[in-house]
mmCIF file of all heavy atoms, coordinates in Angstrom:
data_MODEL
# 
_entry.id   MODEL 
# 
loop_
_atom_site.group_PDB 
_atom_site.id 
_atom_site.type_symbol 
_atom_site.label_atom_id 
_atom_site.label_alt_id 
_atom_site.label_comp_id 
_atom_site.label_asym_id 
_atom_site.label_entity_id 
_atom_site.label_seq_id 
_atom_site.pdbx_PDB_ins_code 
_atom_site.Cartn_x 
_atom_site.Cartn_y 
_atom_site.Cartn_z 
_atom_site.occupancy 
_atom_site.B_iso_or_equiv 
_atom_site.pdbx_formal_charge 
_atom_site.auth_seq_id 
_atom_site.auth_comp_id 
_atom_site.auth_asym_id 
_atom_site.auth_atom_id 
_atom_site.pdbx_PDB_model_num 
ATOM 1   N N   . ALA A 1 1  ? 172.711 261.640 109.207 1.00 0.00 ? 1  ALA A N   1 
ATOM 2   C CA  . ALA A 1 1  ? 171.266 261.875 109.136 1.00 0.00 ? 1  ALA A CA  1 
ATOM 3   C C   . ALA A 1 1  ? 170.768 261.769 107.699 1.00 0.00 ? 1  ALA A C   1 
ATOM 4   O O   . ALA A 1 1  ? 169.712 261.172 107.428 1.00 0.00 ? 1  ALA A O   1 
ATOM 5   C CB  . ALA A 1 1  ? 170.933 263.252 109.707 1.00 0.00 ? 1  ALA A CB  1 
ATOM 6   N N   . ASP A 1 2  ? 171.524 262.327 106.764 1.00 0.00 ? 2  ASP A N   1 
ATOM 7   C CA  . ASP A 1 2  ? 171.136 262.272 105.350 1.00 0.00 ? 2  ASP A CA  1 
ATOM 8   C C   . ASP A 1 2  ? 171.162 260.839 104.823 1.00 0.00 ? 2  ASP A C   1 
ATOM 9   O O   . ASP A 1 2  ? 170.256 260.410 104.096 1.00 0.00 ? 2  ASP A O   1 
ATOM 10  C CB  . ASP A 1 2  ? 172.067 263.149 104.504 1.00 0.00 ? 2  ASP A CB  1 
ATOM 11  C CG  . ASP A 1 2  ? 171.852 264.638 104.753 1.00 0.00 ? 2  ASP A CG  1 
ATOM 12  O OD1 . ASP A 1 2  ? 170.810 265.004 105.318 1.00 0.00 ? 2  ASP A OD1 1 
ATOM 13  O OD2 . ASP A 1 2  ? 172.746 265.439 104.372 1.00 0.00 ? 2  ASP A OD2 1 
ATOM 14  N N   . ILE A 1 3  ? 172.212 260.098 105.204 1.00 0.00 ? 3  ILE A N   1 
ATOM 15  C CA  . ILE A 1 3  ? 172.334 258.708 104.744 1.00 0.00 ? 3  ILE A CA  1 
ATOM 16  C C   . ILE A 1 3  ? 171.194 257.862 105.304 1.00 0.00 ? 3  ILE A C   1 
ATOM 17  O O   . ILE A 1 3  ? 170.552 257.092 104.576 1.00 0.00 ? 3  ILE A O   1 
ATOM 18  C CB  . ILE A 1 3  ? 173.698 258.120 105.160 1.00 0.00 ? 3  ILE A CB  1 
ATOM 19  C CG1 . ILE A 1 3  ? 174.832 258.786 104.375 1.00 0.00 ? 3  ILE A CG1 1 
ATOM 20  C CG2 . ILE A 1 3  ? 173.723 256.602 104.931 1.00 0.00 ? 3  ILE A CG2 1 
ATOM 21  C CD1 . ILE A 1 3  ? 176.223 258.384 104.844 1.00 0.00 ? 3  ILE A CD1 1 
ATOM 22  N N   . CYS A 1 4  ? 170.923 258.007 106.588 1.00 0.00 ? 4  CYS A N   1 
ATOM 23  C CA  . CYS A 1 4  ? 169.864 257.207 107.207 1.00 0.00 ? 4  CYS A CA  1 
ATOM 24  C C   . CYS A 1 4  ? 168.502 257.506 106.578 1.00 0.00 ? 4  CYS A C   1 
ATOM 25  O O   . CYS A 1 4  ? 167.717 256.590 106.297 1.00 0.00 ? 4  CYS A O   1 
ATOM 26  C CB  . CYS A 1 4  ? 169.815 257.477 108.711 1.00 0.00 ? 4  CYS A CB  1 
ATOM 27  S SG  . CYS A 1 4  ? 171.201 256.772 109.648 1.00 0.00 ? 4  CYS A SG  1 
ATOM 28  N N   . ALA A 1 5  ? 168.234 258.790 106.336 1.00 0.00 ? 5  ALA A N   1 
ATOM 29  C CA  . ALA A 1 5  ? 166.957 259.164 105.730 1.00 0.00 ? 5  ALA A CA  1 
ATOM 30  C C   . ALA A 1 5  ? 166.845 258.609 104.312 1.00 0.00 ? 5  ALA A C   1 
ATOM 31  O O   . ALA A 1 5  ? 165.770 258.158 103.885 1.00 0.00 ? 5  ALA A O   1 
ATOM 32  C CB  . ALA A 1 5  ? 166.813 260.687 105.711 1.00 0.00 ? 5  ALA A CB  1 
ATOM 33  N N   . ASP A 1 6  ? 167.951 258.621 103.581 1.00 0.00 ? 6  ASP A N   1 
ATOM 34  C CA  . ASP A 1 6  ? 167.936 258.132 102.203 1.00 0.00 ? 6  ASP A CA  1 
ATOM 35  C C   . ASP A 1 6  ? 167.721 256.625 102.157 1.00 0.00 ? 6  ASP A C   1 
ATOM 36  O O   . ASP A 1 6  ? 166.944 256.117 101.330 1.00 0.00 ? 6  ASP A O   1 
ATOM 37  C CB  . ASP A 1 6  ? 169.253 258.509 101.515 1.00 0.00 ? 6  ASP A CB  1 
ATOM 38  C CG  . ASP A 1 6  ? 169.175 258.395 99.999  1.00 0.00 ? 6  ASP A CG  1 
ATOM 39  O OD1 . ASP A 1 6  ? 168.049 258.457 99.443  1.00 0.00 ? 6  ASP A OD1 1 
ATOM 40  O OD2 . ASP A 1 6  ? 170.229 258.246 99.364  1.00 0.00 ? 6  ASP A OD2 1 
ATOM 41  N N   . VAL A 1 7  ? 168.392 255.891 103.048 1.00 0.00 ? 7  VAL A N   1 
ATOM 42  C CA  . VAL A 1 7  ? 168.207 254.435 103.092 1.00 0.00 ? 7  VAL A CA  1 
ATOM 43  C C   . VAL A 1 7  ? 166.781 254.101 103.510 1.00 0.00 ? 7  VAL A C   1 
ATOM 44  O O   . VAL A 1 7  ? 166.160 253.184 102.961 1.00 0.00 ? 7  VAL A O   1 
ATOM 45  C CB  . VAL A 1 7  ? 169.224 253.783 104.052 1.00 0.00 ? 7  VAL A CB  1 
ATOM 46  C CG1 . VAL A 1 7  ? 168.901 252.304 104.263 1.00 0.00 ? 7  VAL A CG1 1 
ATOM 47  C CG2 . VAL A 1 7  ? 170.641 253.942 103.515 1.00 0.00 ? 7  VAL A CG2 1 
ATOM 48  N N   . GLN A 1 8  ? 166.246 254.851 104.452 1.00 0.00 ? 8  GLN A N   1 
ATOM 49  C CA  . GLN A 1 8  ? 164.868 254.626 104.886 1.00 0.00 ? 8  GLN A CA  1 
ATOM 50  C C   . GLN A 1 8  ? 163.892 254.854 103.738 1.00 0.00 ? 8  GLN A C   1 
ATOM 51  O O   . GLN A 1 8  ? 162.896 254.145 103.597 1.00 0.00 ? 8  GLN A O   1 
ATOM 52  C CB  . GLN A 1 8  ? 164.530 255.548 106.052 1.00 0.00 ? 8  GLN A CB  1 
ATOM 53  C CG  . GLN A 1 8  ? 163.167 255.277 106.689 1.00 0.00 ? 8  GLN A CG  1 
ATOM 54  C CD  . GLN A 1 8  ? 162.918 256.155 107.896 1.00 0.00 ? 8  GLN A CD  1 
ATOM 55  O OE1 . GLN A 1 8  ? 163.579 257.178 108.097 1.00 0.00 ? 8  GLN A OE1 1 
ATOM 56  N NE2 . GLN A 1 8  ? 161.956 255.755 108.718 1.00 0.00 ? 8  GLN A NE2 1 
ATOM 57  N N   . LYS A 1 9  ? 164.199 255.818 102.874 1.00 0.00 ? 9  LYS A N   1 
ATOM 58  C CA  . LYS A 1 9  ? 163.306 256.162 101.770 1.00 0.00 ? 9  LYS A CA  1 
ATOM 59  C C   . LYS A 1 9  ? 163.494 255.252 100.560 1.00 0.00 ? 9  LYS A C   1 
ATOM 60  O O   . LYS A 1 9  ? 162.507 254.765 99.978  1.00 0.00 ? 9  LYS A O   1 
ATOM 61  C CB  . LYS A 1 9  ? 163.545 257.618 101.357 1.00 0.00 ? 9  LYS A CB  1 
ATOM 62  C CG  . LYS A 1 9  ? 162.675 258.095 100.209 1.00 0.00 ? 9  LYS A CG  1 
ATOM 63  C CD  . LYS A 1 9  ? 162.999 259.541 99.855  1.00 0.00 ? 9  LYS A CD  1 
ATOM 64  C CE  . LYS A 1 9  ? 162.146 260.038 98.688  1.00 0.00 ? 9  LYS A CE  1 
ATOM 65  N NZ  . LYS A 1 9  ? 162.463 261.453 98.333  1.00 0.00 ? 9  LYS A NZ  1 
ATOM 66  N N   . ARG A 1 10 ? 164.737 254.995 100.171 1.00 0.00 ? 10 ARG A N   1 
ATOM 67  C CA  . ARG A 1 10 ? 164.995 254.290 98.905  1.00 0.00 ? 10 ARG A CA  1 
ATOM 68  C C   . ARG A 1 10 ? 165.438 252.845 99.070  1.00 0.00 ? 10 ARG A C   1 
ATOM 69  O O   . ARG A 1 10 ? 165.590 252.123 98.083  1.00 0.00 ? 10 ARG A O   1 
ATOM 70  C CB  . ARG A 1 10 ? 166.032 255.057 98.086  1.00 0.00 ? 10 ARG A CB  1 
ATOM 71  C CG  . ARG A 1 10 ? 165.584 256.448 97.644  1.00 0.00 ? 10 ARG A CG  1 
ATOM 72  C CD  . ARG A 1 10 ? 166.472 256.968 96.511  1.00 0.00 ? 10 ARG A CD  1 
ATOM 73  N NE  . ARG A 1 10 ? 167.844 257.166 96.933  1.00 0.00 ? 10 ARG A NE  1 
ATOM 74  C CZ  . ARG A 1 10 ? 168.888 256.641 96.297  1.00 0.00 ? 10 ARG A CZ  1 
ATOM 75  N NH1 . ARG A 1 10 ? 168.721 255.855 95.239  1.00 0.00 ? 10 ARG A NH1 1 
ATOM 76  N NH2 . ARG A 1 10 ? 170.116 256.884 96.735  1.00 0.00 ? 10 ARG A NH2 1 
ATOM 77  N N   . GLY A 1 11 ? 165.675 252.412 100.303 1.00 0.00 ? 11 GLY A N   1 
ATOM 78  C CA  . GLY A 1 11 ? 165.962 251.008 100.553 1.00 0.00 ? 11 GLY A CA  1 
ATOM 79  C C   . GLY A 1 11 ? 167.198 250.471 99.856  1.00 0.00 ? 11 GLY A C   1 
ATOM 80  O O   . GLY A 1 11 ? 168.280 251.067 99.909  1.00 0.00 ? 11 GLY A O   1 
ATOM 81  N N   . ASP A 1 12 ? 167.029 249.328 99.170  1.00 0.00 ? 12 ASP A N   1 
ATOM 82  C CA  . ASP A 1 12 ? 168.154 248.637 98.538  1.00 0.00 ? 12 ASP A CA  1 
ATOM 83  C C   . ASP A 1 12 ? 168.927 249.533 97.586  1.00 0.00 ? 12 ASP A C   1 
ATOM 84  O O   . ASP A 1 12 ? 170.166 249.468 97.521  1.00 0.00 ? 12 ASP A O   1 
ATOM 85  C CB  . ASP A 1 12 ? 167.657 247.410 97.775  1.00 0.00 ? 12 ASP A CB  1 
ATOM 86  C CG  . ASP A 1 12 ? 167.302 246.246 98.678  1.00 0.00 ? 12 ASP A CG  1 
ATOM 87  O OD1 . ASP A 1 12 ? 167.589 246.324 99.894  1.00 0.00 ? 12 ASP A OD1 1 
ATOM 88  O OD2 . ASP A 1 12 ? 166.740 245.253 98.175  1.00 0.00 ? 12 ASP A OD2 1 
ATOM 89  N N   . ALA A 1 13 ? 168.237 250.364 96.837  1.00 0.00 ? 13 ALA A N   1 
ATOM 90  C CA  . ALA A 1 13 ? 168.905 251.218 95.841  1.00 0.00 ? 13 ALA A CA  1 
ATOM 91  C C   . ALA A 1 13 ? 169.911 252.143 96.521  1.00 0.00 ? 13 ALA A C   1 
ATOM 92  O O   . ALA A 1 13 ? 171.046 252.309 96.049  1.00 0.00 ? 13 ALA A O   1 
ATOM 93  C CB  . ALA A 1 13 ? 167.871 252.027 95.065  1.00 0.00 ? 13 ALA A CB  1 
ATOM 94  N N   . ALA A 1 14 ? 169.515 252.748 97.633  1.00 0.00 ? 14 ALA A N   1 
ATOM 95  C CA  . ALA A 1 14 ? 170.433 253.622 98.365  1.00 0.00 ? 14 ALA A CA  1 
ATOM 96  C C   . ALA A 1 14 ? 171.577 252.828 98.964  1.00 0.00 ? 14 ALA A C   1 
ATOM 97  O O   . ALA A 1 14 ? 172.737 253.266 98.948  1.00 0.00 ? 14 ALA A O   1 
ATOM 98  C CB  . ALA A 1 14 ? 169.672 254.365 99.458  1.00 0.00 ? 14 ALA A CB  1 
ATOM 99  N N   . LEU A 1 15 ? 171.275 251.641 99.474  1.00 0.00 ? 15 LEU A N   1 
ATOM 100 C CA  . LEU A 1 15 ? 172.303 250.802 100.090 1.00 0.00 ? 15 LEU A CA  1 
ATOM 101 C C   . LEU A 1 15 ? 173.369 250.422 99.068  1.00 0.00 ? 15 LEU A C   1 
ATOM 102 O O   . LEU A 1 15 ? 174.578 250.493 99.356  1.00 0.00 ? 15 LEU A O   1 
ATOM 103 C CB  . LEU A 1 15 ? 171.648 249.546 100.676 1.00 0.00 ? 15 LEU A CB  1 
ATOM 104 C CG  . LEU A 1 15 ? 172.472 248.697 101.637 1.00 0.00 ? 15 LEU A CG  1 
ATOM 105 C CD1 . LEU A 1 15 ? 172.938 249.513 102.832 1.00 0.00 ? 15 LEU A CD1 1 
ATOM 106 C CD2 . LEU A 1 15 ? 171.651 247.495 102.100 1.00 0.00 ? 15 LEU A CD2 1 
ATOM 107 N N   . ILE A 1 16 ? 172.953 250.041 97.884  1.00 0.00 ? 16 ILE A N   1 
ATOM 108 C CA  . ILE A 1 16 ? 173.895 249.692 96.814  1.00 0.00 ? 16 ILE A CA  1 
ATOM 109 C C   . ILE A 1 16 ? 174.732 250.910 96.422  1.00 0.00 ? 16 ILE A C   1 
ATOM 110 O O   . ILE A 1 16 ? 175.964 250.822 96.260  1.00 0.00 ? 16 ILE A O   1 
ATOM 111 C CB  . ILE A 1 16 ? 173.137 249.142 95.587  1.00 0.00 ? 16 ILE A CB  1 
ATOM 112 C CG1 . ILE A 1 16 ? 172.469 247.801 95.929  1.00 0.00 ? 16 ILE A CG1 1 
ATOM 113 C CG2 . ILE A 1 16 ? 174.070 248.976 94.400  1.00 0.00 ? 16 ILE A CG2 1 
ATOM 114 C CD1 . ILE A 1 16 ? 171.454 247.348 94.895  1.00 0.00 ? 16 ILE A CD1 1 
ATOM 115 N N   . GLU A 1 17 ? 174.082 252.048 96.285  1.00 0.00 ? 17 GLU A N   1 
ATOM 116 C CA  . GLU A 1 17 ? 174.778 253.270 95.862  1.00 0.00 ? 17 GLU A CA  1 
ATOM 117 C C   . GLU A 1 17 ? 175.855 253.672 96.866  1.00 0.00 ? 17 GLU A C   1 
ATOM 118 O O   . GLU A 1 17 ? 176.992 253.972 96.492  1.00 0.00 ? 17 GLU A O   1 
ATOM 119 C CB  . GLU A 1 17 ? 173.756 254.395 95.697  1.00 0.00 ? 17 GLU A CB  1 
ATOM 120 C CG  . GLU A 1 17 ? 174.356 255.712 95.244  1.00 0.00 ? 17 GLU A CG  1 
ATOM 121 C CD  . GLU A 1 17 ? 173.288 256.796 95.121  1.00 0.00 ? 17 GLU A CD  1 
ATOM 122 O OE1 . GLU A 1 17 ? 172.219 256.507 94.533  1.00 0.00 ? 17 GLU A OE1 1 
ATOM 123 O OE2 . GLU A 1 17 ? 173.527 257.902 95.618  1.00 0.00 ? 17 GLU A OE2 1 
ATOM 124 N N   . TYR A 1 18 ? 175.510 253.690 98.147  1.00 0.00 ? 18 TYR A N   1 
ATOM 125 C CA  . TYR A 1 18 ? 176.489 254.099 99.161  1.00 0.00 ? 18 TYR A CA  1 
ATOM 126 C C   . TYR A 1 18 ? 177.616 253.077 99.294  1.00 0.00 ? 18 TYR A C   1 
ATOM 127 O O   . TYR A 1 18 ? 178.777 253.445 99.515  1.00 0.00 ? 18 TYR A O   1 
ATOM 128 C CB  . TYR A 1 18 ? 175.798 254.289 100.516 1.00 0.00 ? 18 TYR A CB  1 
ATOM 129 C CG  . TYR A 1 18 ? 174.933 255.526 100.584 1.00 0.00 ? 18 TYR A CG  1 
ATOM 130 C CD1 . TYR A 1 18 ? 173.569 255.433 100.859 1.00 0.00 ? 18 TYR A CD1 1 
ATOM 131 C CD2 . TYR A 1 18 ? 175.467 256.795 100.366 1.00 0.00 ? 18 TYR A CD2 1 
ATOM 132 C CE1 . TYR A 1 18 ? 172.764 256.562 100.923 1.00 0.00 ? 18 TYR A CE1 1 
ATOM 133 C CE2 . TYR A 1 18 ? 174.674 257.934 100.423 1.00 0.00 ? 18 TYR A CE2 1 
ATOM 134 C CZ  . TYR A 1 18 ? 173.326 257.805 100.691 1.00 0.00 ? 18 TYR A CZ  1 
ATOM 135 O OH  . TYR A 1 18 ? 172.543 258.923 100.748 1.00 0.00 ? 18 TYR A OH  1 
ATOM 136 N N   . THR A 1 19 ? 177.298 251.813 99.175  1.00 0.00 ? 19 THR A N   1 
ATOM 137 C CA  . THR A 1 19 ? 178.330 250.786 99.277  1.00 0.00 ? 19 THR A CA  1 
ATOM 138 C C   . THR A 1 19 ? 179.332 250.917 98.131  1.00 0.00 ? 19 THR A C   1 
ATOM 139 O O   . THR A 1 19 ? 180.549 250.840 98.340  1.00 0.00 ? 19 THR A O   1 
ATOM 140 C CB  . THR A 1 19 ? 177.700 249.381 99.284  1.00 0.00 ? 19 THR A CB  1 
ATOM 141 O OG1 . THR A 1 19 ? 176.807 249.272 100.396 1.00 0.00 ? 19 THR A OG1 1 
ATOM 142 C CG2 . THR A 1 19 ? 178.769 248.306 99.405  1.00 0.00 ? 19 THR A CG2 1 
ATOM 143 N N   . ASN A 1 20 ? 178.843 251.130 96.931  1.00 0.00 ? 20 ASN A N   1 
ATOM 144 C CA  . ASN A 1 20 ? 179.742 251.318 95.794  1.00 0.00 ? 20 ASN A CA  1 
ATOM 145 C C   . ASN A 1 20 ? 180.587 252.581 95.966  1.00 0.00 ? 20 ASN A C   1 
ATOM 146 O O   . ASN A 1 20 ? 181.784 252.595 95.650  1.00 0.00 ? 20 ASN A O   1 
ATOM 147 C CB  . ASN A 1 20 ? 178.940 251.402 94.490  1.00 0.00 ? 20 ASN A CB  1 
ATOM 148 C CG  . ASN A 1 20 ? 178.391 250.045 94.066  1.00 0.00 ? 20 ASN A CG  1 
ATOM 149 O OD1 . ASN A 1 20 ? 178.883 249.001 94.494  1.00 0.00 ? 20 ASN A OD1 1 
ATOM 150 N ND2 . ASN A 1 20 ? 177.365 250.047 93.221  1.00 0.00 ? 20 ASN A ND2 1 
ATOM 151 N N   . ARG A 1 21 ? 179.976 253.646 96.504  1.00 0.00 ? 21 ARG A N   1 
ATOM 152 C CA  . ARG A 1 21 ? 180.690 254.908 96.645  1.00 0.00 ? 21 ARG A CA  1 
ATOM 153 C C   . ARG A 1 21 ? 181.759 254.840 97.733  1.00 0.00 ? 21 ARG A C   1 
ATOM 154 O O   . ARG A 1 21 ? 182.906 255.244 97.528  1.00 0.00 ? 21 ARG A O   1 
ATOM 155 C CB  . ARG A 1 21 ? 179.712 256.029 96.982  1.00 0.00 ? 21 ARG A CB  1 
ATOM 156 C CG  . ARG A 1 21 ? 180.393 257.402 97.091  1.00 0.00 ? 21 ARG A CG  1 
ATOM 157 C CD  . ARG A 1 21 ? 179.504 258.434 97.750  1.00 0.00 ? 21 ARG A CD  1 
ATOM 158 N NE  . ARG A 1 21 ? 178.190 258.551 97.131  1.00 0.00 ? 21 ARG A NE  1 
ATOM 159 C CZ  . ARG A 1 21 ? 177.244 259.373 97.584  1.00 0.00 ? 21 ARG A CZ  1 
ATOM 160 N NH1 . ARG A 1 21 ? 177.485 260.135 98.657  1.00 0.00 ? 21 ARG A NH1 1 
ATOM 161 N NH2 . ARG A 1 21 ? 176.069 259.430 96.989  1.00 0.00 ? 21 ARG A NH2 1 
ATOM 162 N N   . PHE A 1 22 ? 181.393 254.327 98.881  1.00 0.00 ? 22 PHE A N   1 
ATOM 163 C CA  . PHE A 1 22 ? 182.315 254.369 100.023 1.00 0.00 ? 22 PHE A CA  1 
ATOM 164 C C   . PHE A 1 22 ? 183.288 253.196 100.079 1.00 0.00 ? 22 PHE A C   1 
ATOM 165 O O   . PHE A 1 22 ? 184.398 253.327 100.595 1.00 0.00 ? 22 PHE A O   1 
ATOM 166 C CB  . PHE A 1 22 ? 181.526 254.436 101.334 1.00 0.00 ? 22 PHE A CB  1 
ATOM 167 C CG  . PHE A 1 22 ? 180.689 255.668 101.481 1.00 0.00 ? 22 PHE A CG  1 
ATOM 168 C CD1 . PHE A 1 22 ? 179.374 255.585 101.924 1.00 0.00 ? 22 PHE A CD1 1 
ATOM 169 C CD2 . PHE A 1 22 ? 181.201 256.917 101.172 1.00 0.00 ? 22 PHE A CD2 1 
ATOM 170 C CE1 . PHE A 1 22 ? 178.593 256.721 102.071 1.00 0.00 ? 22 PHE A CE1 1 
ATOM 171 C CE2 . PHE A 1 22 ? 180.430 258.060 101.309 1.00 0.00 ? 22 PHE A CE2 1 
ATOM 172 C CZ  . PHE A 1 22 ? 179.121 257.972 101.747 1.00 0.00 ? 22 PHE A CZ  1 
ATOM 173 N N   . ASP A 1 23 ? 182.881 252.041 99.569  1.00 0.00 ? 23 ASP A N   1 
ATOM 174 C CA  . ASP A 1 23 ? 183.742 250.854 99.645  1.00 0.00 ? 23 ASP A CA  1 
ATOM 175 C C   . ASP A 1 23 ? 184.424 250.517 98.330  1.00 0.00 ? 23 ASP A C   1 
ATOM 176 O O   . ASP A 1 23 ? 185.188 249.541 98.259  1.00 0.00 ? 23 ASP A O   1 
ATOM 177 C CB  . ASP A 1 23 ? 182.929 249.638 100.118 1.00 0.00 ? 23 ASP A CB  1 
ATOM 178 C CG  . ASP A 1 23 ? 182.578 249.717 101.599 1.00 0.00 ? 23 ASP A CG  1 
ATOM 179 O OD1 . ASP A 1 23 ? 183.159 250.585 102.288 1.00 0.00 ? 23 ASP A OD1 1 
ATOM 180 O OD2 . ASP A 1 23 ? 181.734 248.942 102.066 1.00 0.00 ? 23 ASP A OD2 1 
ATOM 181 N N   . GLY A 1 24 ? 184.141 251.297 97.296  1.00 0.00 ? 24 GLY A N   1 
ATOM 182 C CA  . GLY A 1 24 ? 184.802 251.039 96.014  1.00 0.00 ? 24 GLY A CA  1 
ATOM 183 C C   . GLY A 1 24 ? 184.391 249.734 95.377  1.00 0.00 ? 24 GLY A C   1 
ATOM 184 O O   . GLY A 1 24 ? 185.179 249.100 94.676  1.00 0.00 ? 24 GLY A O   1 
ATOM 185 N N   . THR A 1 25 ? 183.155 249.312 95.619  1.00 0.00 ? 25 THR A N   1 
ATOM 186 C CA  . THR A 1 25 ? 182.666 248.081 95.013  1.00 0.00 ? 25 THR A CA  1 
ATOM 187 C C   . THR A 1 25 ? 181.887 248.401 93.739  1.00 0.00 ? 25 THR A C   1 
ATOM 188 O O   . THR A 1 25 ? 181.674 249.557 93.398  1.00 0.00 ? 25 THR A O   1 
ATOM 189 C CB  . THR A 1 25 ? 181.754 247.325 96.009  1.00 0.00 ? 25 THR A CB  1 
ATOM 190 O OG1 . THR A 1 25 ? 180.716 248.203 96.456  1.00 0.00 ? 25 THR A OG1 1 
ATOM 191 C CG2 . THR A 1 25 ? 182.547 246.864 97.213  1.00 0.00 ? 25 THR A CG2 1 
# 
């Protein structure tokens, strides 16, 4: 729920942040 709300609010910035955090990119 937190991730979905954050992506909905911050868009690309949140997507990049979570991808780097969870996938080690």
